Amino acid sequence: MFSQLEKTRLVNKLRAARERKRQEVGRCEGRKTRLERASAANDEAAVGRLQEAVVMAKRLRRANPVTGKRRSLRRIAEELEAAGHLNERGRPYDAMSISRMLKS
C-alpha cells in the first residue's frame, strides 16, 4: 500500500518537473538539436552556420508576394545545399529537417 502511494507521488513529481521545463524551454525529452549540441560544445562557428541556415530556410519559405505560393520543403533543401548548408553527415537536409527548422 505504501509503495503505491510512493510511486504515485514520484510520478506526479516527475510529471510536474517535465511540464515546468516545457514551459521554460519549450521541450523536455528526446535528443538535443544540433544547435543545442554545438552550443554545449562552445563551437561558435557551428552555431553561427546553423543559425544562418535556419534564417535562410525561413526566408525561402515565405510566400511569393506576386503569386502567393511557397517553395516546397524539398526545394528549400536544394537551395540550402547550393548555398553550402549541409547536415552533420555532409548530405543535403531532408524535408523533415527543414520542417523542424521552420518551427524553431
N, C-alpha and C. Protein backbone atom coordinates (compact mmCIF):
# COMPACT_ATOMS: atom_id res chain seq x y z
N MET A 1 0.81 -1.19 0.00
CA MET A 1 0.00 0.00 0.00
C MET A 1 0.87 1.27 0.00
N PHE A 2 1.88 1.28 0.86
CA PHE A 2 2.74 2.46 0.91
C PHE A 2 3.52 2.63 -0.39
N SER A 3 3.94 1.50 -0.98
CA SER A 3 4.72 1.59 -2.22
C SER A 3 3.88 2.20 -3.35
N GLN A 4 2.58 1.93 -3.37
CA GLN A 4 1.71 2.53 -4.38
C GLN A 4 1.62 4.04 -4.20
N LEU A 5 1.50 4.46 -2.96
CA LEU A 5 1.44 5.90 -2.68
C LEU A 5 2.75 6.58 -3.05
N GLU A 6 3.85 5.93 -2.73
CA GLU A 6 5.17 6.48 -3.05
C GLU A 6 5.36 6.58 -4.56
N LYS A 7 4.94 5.55 -5.30
CA LYS A 7 5.05 5.58 -6.76
C LYS A 7 4.19 6.70 -7.34
N THR A 8 2.98 6.85 -6.86
CA THR A 8 2.08 7.92 -7.34
C THR A 8 2.70 9.28 -7.08
N ARG A 9 3.28 9.47 -5.90
CA ARG A 9 3.91 10.74 -5.57
C ARG A 9 5.09 11.03 -6.49
N LEU A 10 5.89 10.01 -6.74
CA LEU A 10 7.05 10.18 -7.61
C LEU A 10 6.63 10.49 -9.05
N VAL A 11 5.64 9.78 -9.56
CA VAL A 11 5.15 10.03 -10.92
C VAL A 11 4.63 11.45 -11.05
N ASN A 12 3.87 11.90 -10.08
CA ASN A 12 3.33 13.27 -10.11
C ASN A 12 4.44 14.32 -10.04
N LYS A 13 5.46 14.05 -9.21
CA LYS A 13 6.57 14.99 -9.09
C LYS A 13 7.34 15.10 -10.40
N LEU A 14 7.61 13.96 -11.05
CA LEU A 14 8.34 13.97 -12.31
C LEU A 14 7.52 14.61 -13.43
N ARG A 15 6.22 14.35 -13.46
CA ARG A 15 5.36 14.97 -14.47
C ARG A 15 5.35 16.48 -14.32
N ALA A 16 5.26 16.96 -13.08
CA ALA A 16 5.27 18.40 -12.84
C ALA A 16 6.60 19.02 -13.27
N ALA A 17 7.70 18.32 -13.02
CA ALA A 17 9.02 18.83 -13.42
C ALA A 17 9.13 18.91 -14.94
N ARG A 18 8.63 17.88 -15.65
CA ARG A 18 8.66 17.91 -17.12
C ARG A 18 7.80 19.05 -17.66
N GLU A 19 6.64 19.25 -17.10
CA GLU A 19 5.76 20.34 -17.55
C GLU A 19 6.40 21.70 -17.29
N ARG A 20 7.07 21.85 -16.15
CA ARG A 20 7.77 23.10 -15.84
C ARG A 20 8.86 23.38 -16.85
N LYS A 21 9.63 22.35 -17.17
CA LYS A 21 10.72 22.53 -18.14
C LYS A 21 10.15 22.87 -19.52
N ARG A 22 9.04 22.24 -19.92
CA ARG A 22 8.43 22.56 -21.21
C ARG A 22 7.97 24.01 -21.26
N GLN A 23 7.48 24.52 -20.15
CA GLN A 23 7.06 25.92 -20.10
C GLN A 23 8.25 26.86 -20.25
N GLU A 24 9.38 26.51 -19.64
CA GLU A 24 10.57 27.36 -19.69
C GLU A 24 11.31 27.25 -21.02
N VAL A 25 11.52 26.02 -21.51
CA VAL A 25 12.39 25.78 -22.65
C VAL A 25 11.60 25.50 -23.92
N GLY A 26 10.46 24.88 -23.80
CA GLY A 26 9.67 24.52 -24.97
C GLY A 26 9.71 23.03 -25.27
N ARG A 27 10.72 22.35 -24.79
CA ARG A 27 10.81 20.91 -24.96
C ARG A 27 11.56 20.32 -23.78
N CYS A 28 11.37 19.03 -23.57
CA CYS A 28 11.95 18.43 -22.38
C CYS A 28 12.68 17.13 -22.69
N GLU A 29 12.08 16.31 -23.51
CA GLU A 29 12.64 14.98 -23.72
C GLU A 29 13.17 14.83 -25.13
N GLY A 30 13.90 13.78 -25.36
CA GLY A 30 14.38 13.49 -26.69
C GLY A 30 15.81 13.97 -26.91
N ARG A 31 16.27 13.70 -28.11
CA ARG A 31 17.63 14.06 -28.47
C ARG A 31 17.76 15.57 -28.60
N LYS A 32 18.92 16.08 -28.20
CA LYS A 32 19.16 17.52 -28.32
C LYS A 32 19.33 17.88 -29.79
N THR A 33 18.92 19.10 -30.13
CA THR A 33 19.08 19.55 -31.51
C THR A 33 20.56 19.79 -31.80
N ARG A 34 20.86 19.88 -33.07
CA ARG A 34 22.24 20.12 -33.48
C ARG A 34 22.74 21.46 -32.93
N LEU A 35 21.86 22.44 -32.91
CA LEU A 35 22.22 23.75 -32.37
C LEU A 35 22.52 23.67 -30.87
N GLU A 36 21.72 22.91 -30.14
CA GLU A 36 21.96 22.73 -28.70
C GLU A 36 23.29 22.02 -28.45
N ARG A 37 23.59 21.01 -29.26
CA ARG A 37 24.86 20.29 -29.09
C ARG A 37 26.04 21.19 -29.41
N ALA A 38 25.93 22.02 -30.45
CA ALA A 38 27.02 22.93 -30.80
C ALA A 38 27.20 23.98 -29.72
N SER A 39 26.10 24.47 -29.15
CA SER A 39 26.18 25.46 -28.08
C SER A 39 26.86 24.87 -26.84
N ALA A 40 26.50 23.63 -26.51
CA ALA A 40 27.09 22.98 -25.35
C ALA A 40 28.59 22.75 -25.53
N ALA A 41 29.02 22.54 -26.78
CA ALA A 41 30.43 22.32 -27.07
C ALA A 41 31.20 23.62 -27.27
N ASN A 42 30.52 24.75 -27.12
CA ASN A 42 31.11 26.08 -27.30
C ASN A 42 31.74 26.23 -28.69
N ASP A 43 31.07 25.68 -29.69
CA ASP A 43 31.52 25.78 -31.08
C ASP A 43 30.78 26.94 -31.75
N GLU A 44 31.32 28.13 -31.58
CA GLU A 44 30.66 29.34 -32.07
C GLU A 44 30.52 29.35 -33.60
N ALA A 45 31.48 28.79 -34.31
CA ALA A 45 31.41 28.75 -35.77
C ALA A 45 30.23 27.89 -36.22
N ALA A 46 30.07 26.74 -35.59
CA ALA A 46 28.96 25.85 -35.95
C ALA A 46 27.62 26.48 -35.59
N VAL A 47 27.56 27.14 -34.45
CA VAL A 47 26.32 27.82 -34.04
C VAL A 47 25.94 28.88 -35.07
N GLY A 48 26.91 29.65 -35.50
CA GLY A 48 26.66 30.69 -36.49
C GLY A 48 26.17 30.12 -37.81
N ARG A 49 26.80 29.02 -38.27
CA ARG A 49 26.39 28.39 -39.53
C ARG A 49 24.97 27.84 -39.43
N LEU A 50 24.66 27.21 -38.30
CA LEU A 50 23.33 26.64 -38.12
C LEU A 50 22.27 27.73 -38.06
N GLN A 51 22.56 28.81 -37.35
CA GLN A 51 21.60 29.91 -37.27
C GLN A 51 21.39 30.53 -38.65
N GLU A 52 22.47 30.65 -39.42
CA GLU A 52 22.37 31.19 -40.77
C GLU A 52 21.50 30.30 -41.66
N ALA A 53 21.64 28.98 -41.51
CA ALA A 53 20.84 28.04 -42.30
C ALA A 53 19.36 28.17 -41.94
N VAL A 54 19.06 28.32 -40.66
CA VAL A 54 17.67 28.46 -40.22
C VAL A 54 17.07 29.75 -40.77
N VAL A 55 17.81 30.84 -40.68
CA VAL A 55 17.33 32.13 -41.20
C VAL A 55 17.06 32.02 -42.70
N MET A 56 17.98 31.39 -43.42
CA MET A 56 17.81 31.25 -44.86
C MET A 56 16.60 30.38 -45.18
N ALA A 57 16.40 29.28 -44.43
CA ALA A 57 15.25 28.41 -44.67
C ALA A 57 13.94 29.17 -44.43
N LYS A 58 13.90 29.97 -43.38
CA LYS A 58 12.68 30.74 -43.10
C LYS A 58 12.44 31.78 -44.19
N ARG A 59 13.49 32.39 -44.68
CA ARG A 59 13.34 33.37 -45.76
C ARG A 59 12.85 32.70 -47.02
N LEU A 60 13.39 31.53 -47.34
CA LEU A 60 12.98 30.81 -48.54
C LEU A 60 11.54 30.29 -48.46
N ARG A 61 11.05 30.05 -47.28
CA ARG A 61 9.69 29.51 -47.10
C ARG A 61 8.62 30.58 -47.23
N ARG A 62 8.99 31.84 -47.12
CA ARG A 62 7.99 32.90 -47.22
C ARG A 62 7.26 32.83 -48.56
N ALA A 63 6.00 33.24 -48.55
CA ALA A 63 5.20 33.23 -49.77
C ALA A 63 5.68 34.31 -50.73
N ASN A 64 5.65 34.00 -52.00
CA ASN A 64 5.99 34.96 -53.04
C ASN A 64 4.92 36.06 -53.03
N PRO A 65 5.31 37.33 -52.96
CA PRO A 65 4.31 38.39 -52.88
C PRO A 65 3.45 38.51 -54.14
N VAL A 66 3.96 38.06 -55.27
CA VAL A 66 3.21 38.16 -56.53
C VAL A 66 2.25 36.99 -56.69
N THR A 67 2.77 35.76 -56.54
CA THR A 67 1.94 34.58 -56.78
C THR A 67 1.27 34.05 -55.52
N GLY A 68 1.83 34.36 -54.35
CA GLY A 68 1.28 33.85 -53.10
C GLY A 68 1.68 32.41 -52.81
N LYS A 69 2.54 31.82 -53.65
CA LYS A 69 2.96 30.43 -53.47
C LYS A 69 4.24 30.37 -52.64
N ARG A 70 4.42 29.22 -51.99
CA ARG A 70 5.63 28.96 -51.20
C ARG A 70 6.47 27.89 -51.87
N ARG A 71 7.76 27.89 -51.56
CA ARG A 71 8.63 26.81 -52.03
C ARG A 71 8.34 25.56 -51.22
N SER A 72 8.52 24.41 -51.82
CA SER A 72 8.36 23.16 -51.10
C SER A 72 9.56 22.97 -50.16
N LEU A 73 9.40 22.09 -49.20
CA LEU A 73 10.49 21.82 -48.26
C LEU A 73 11.68 21.21 -48.99
N ARG A 74 11.41 20.37 -49.98
CA ARG A 74 12.50 19.76 -50.76
C ARG A 74 13.23 20.81 -51.58
N ARG A 75 12.50 21.75 -52.14
CA ARG A 75 13.12 22.82 -52.92
C ARG A 75 14.00 23.69 -52.01
N ILE A 76 13.53 23.94 -50.79
CA ILE A 76 14.33 24.71 -49.83
C ILE A 76 15.62 23.95 -49.52
N ALA A 77 15.52 22.63 -49.33
CA ALA A 77 16.71 21.81 -49.05
C ALA A 77 17.71 21.90 -50.20
N GLU A 78 17.20 21.90 -51.45
CA GLU A 78 18.09 22.02 -52.60
C GLU A 78 18.81 23.37 -52.61
N GLU A 79 18.07 24.42 -52.27
CA GLU A 79 18.69 25.75 -52.28
C GLU A 79 19.67 25.92 -51.12
N LEU A 80 19.38 25.30 -49.99
CA LEU A 80 20.35 25.33 -48.88
C LEU A 80 21.62 24.57 -49.28
N GLU A 81 21.45 23.45 -49.96
CA GLU A 81 22.62 22.69 -50.42
C GLU A 81 23.45 23.53 -51.39
N ALA A 82 22.79 24.22 -52.31
CA ALA A 82 23.51 25.06 -53.28
C ALA A 82 24.27 26.18 -52.57
N ALA A 83 23.75 26.63 -51.43
CA ALA A 83 24.42 27.69 -50.67
C ALA A 83 25.49 27.13 -49.74
N GLY A 84 25.63 25.79 -49.70
CA GLY A 84 26.68 25.18 -48.89
C GLY A 84 26.24 24.74 -47.50
N HIS A 85 24.95 24.75 -47.23
CA HIS A 85 24.45 24.31 -45.93
C HIS A 85 24.05 22.84 -46.02
N LEU A 86 24.81 21.99 -45.30
CA LEU A 86 24.56 20.55 -45.32
C LEU A 86 24.32 20.07 -43.90
N ASN A 87 23.75 18.86 -43.77
CA ASN A 87 23.53 18.32 -42.43
C ASN A 87 24.85 17.83 -41.83
N GLU A 88 24.81 17.28 -40.64
CA GLU A 88 26.05 16.90 -39.96
C GLU A 88 26.76 15.72 -40.62
N ARG A 89 26.09 15.02 -41.53
CA ARG A 89 26.72 13.93 -42.27
C ARG A 89 27.26 14.39 -43.62
N GLY A 90 27.14 15.70 -43.91
CA GLY A 90 27.64 16.23 -45.16
C GLY A 90 26.69 16.02 -46.33
N ARG A 91 25.44 15.71 -46.04
CA ARG A 91 24.43 15.48 -47.08
C ARG A 91 23.39 16.60 -47.00
N PRO A 92 22.59 16.76 -48.05
CA PRO A 92 21.54 17.79 -48.01
C PRO A 92 20.52 17.49 -46.92
N TYR A 93 19.93 18.52 -46.35
CA TYR A 93 18.87 18.34 -45.36
C TYR A 93 17.68 17.66 -46.03
N ASP A 94 16.95 16.84 -45.27
CA ASP A 94 15.73 16.29 -45.84
C ASP A 94 14.54 17.16 -45.43
N ALA A 95 13.39 16.88 -45.99
CA ALA A 95 12.22 17.74 -45.80
C ALA A 95 11.83 17.84 -44.33
N MET A 96 11.95 16.76 -43.58
CA MET A 96 11.57 16.80 -42.16
C MET A 96 12.51 17.71 -41.37
N SER A 97 13.77 17.72 -41.71
CA SER A 97 14.73 18.60 -41.04
C SER A 97 14.39 20.07 -41.32
N ILE A 98 14.01 20.36 -42.56
CA ILE A 98 13.62 21.72 -42.91
C ILE A 98 12.37 22.12 -42.14
N SER A 99 11.43 21.19 -42.04
CA SER A 99 10.19 21.45 -41.29
C SER A 99 10.50 21.80 -39.84
N ARG A 100 11.42 21.07 -39.23
CA ARG A 100 11.79 21.33 -37.84
C ARG A 100 12.51 22.68 -37.70
N MET A 101 13.32 23.03 -38.70
CA MET A 101 14.00 24.34 -38.68
C MET A 101 12.97 25.47 -38.67
N LEU A 102 11.92 25.31 -39.46
CA LEU A 102 10.93 26.36 -39.59
C LEU A 102 10.10 26.54 -38.32
N LYS A 103 10.00 25.47 -37.52
CA LYS A 103 9.24 25.55 -36.27
C LYS A 103 10.03 26.26 -35.17
N SER A 104 11.35 26.23 -35.26
CA SER A 104 12.17 26.82 -34.19
C SER A 104 12.19 28.32 -34.24
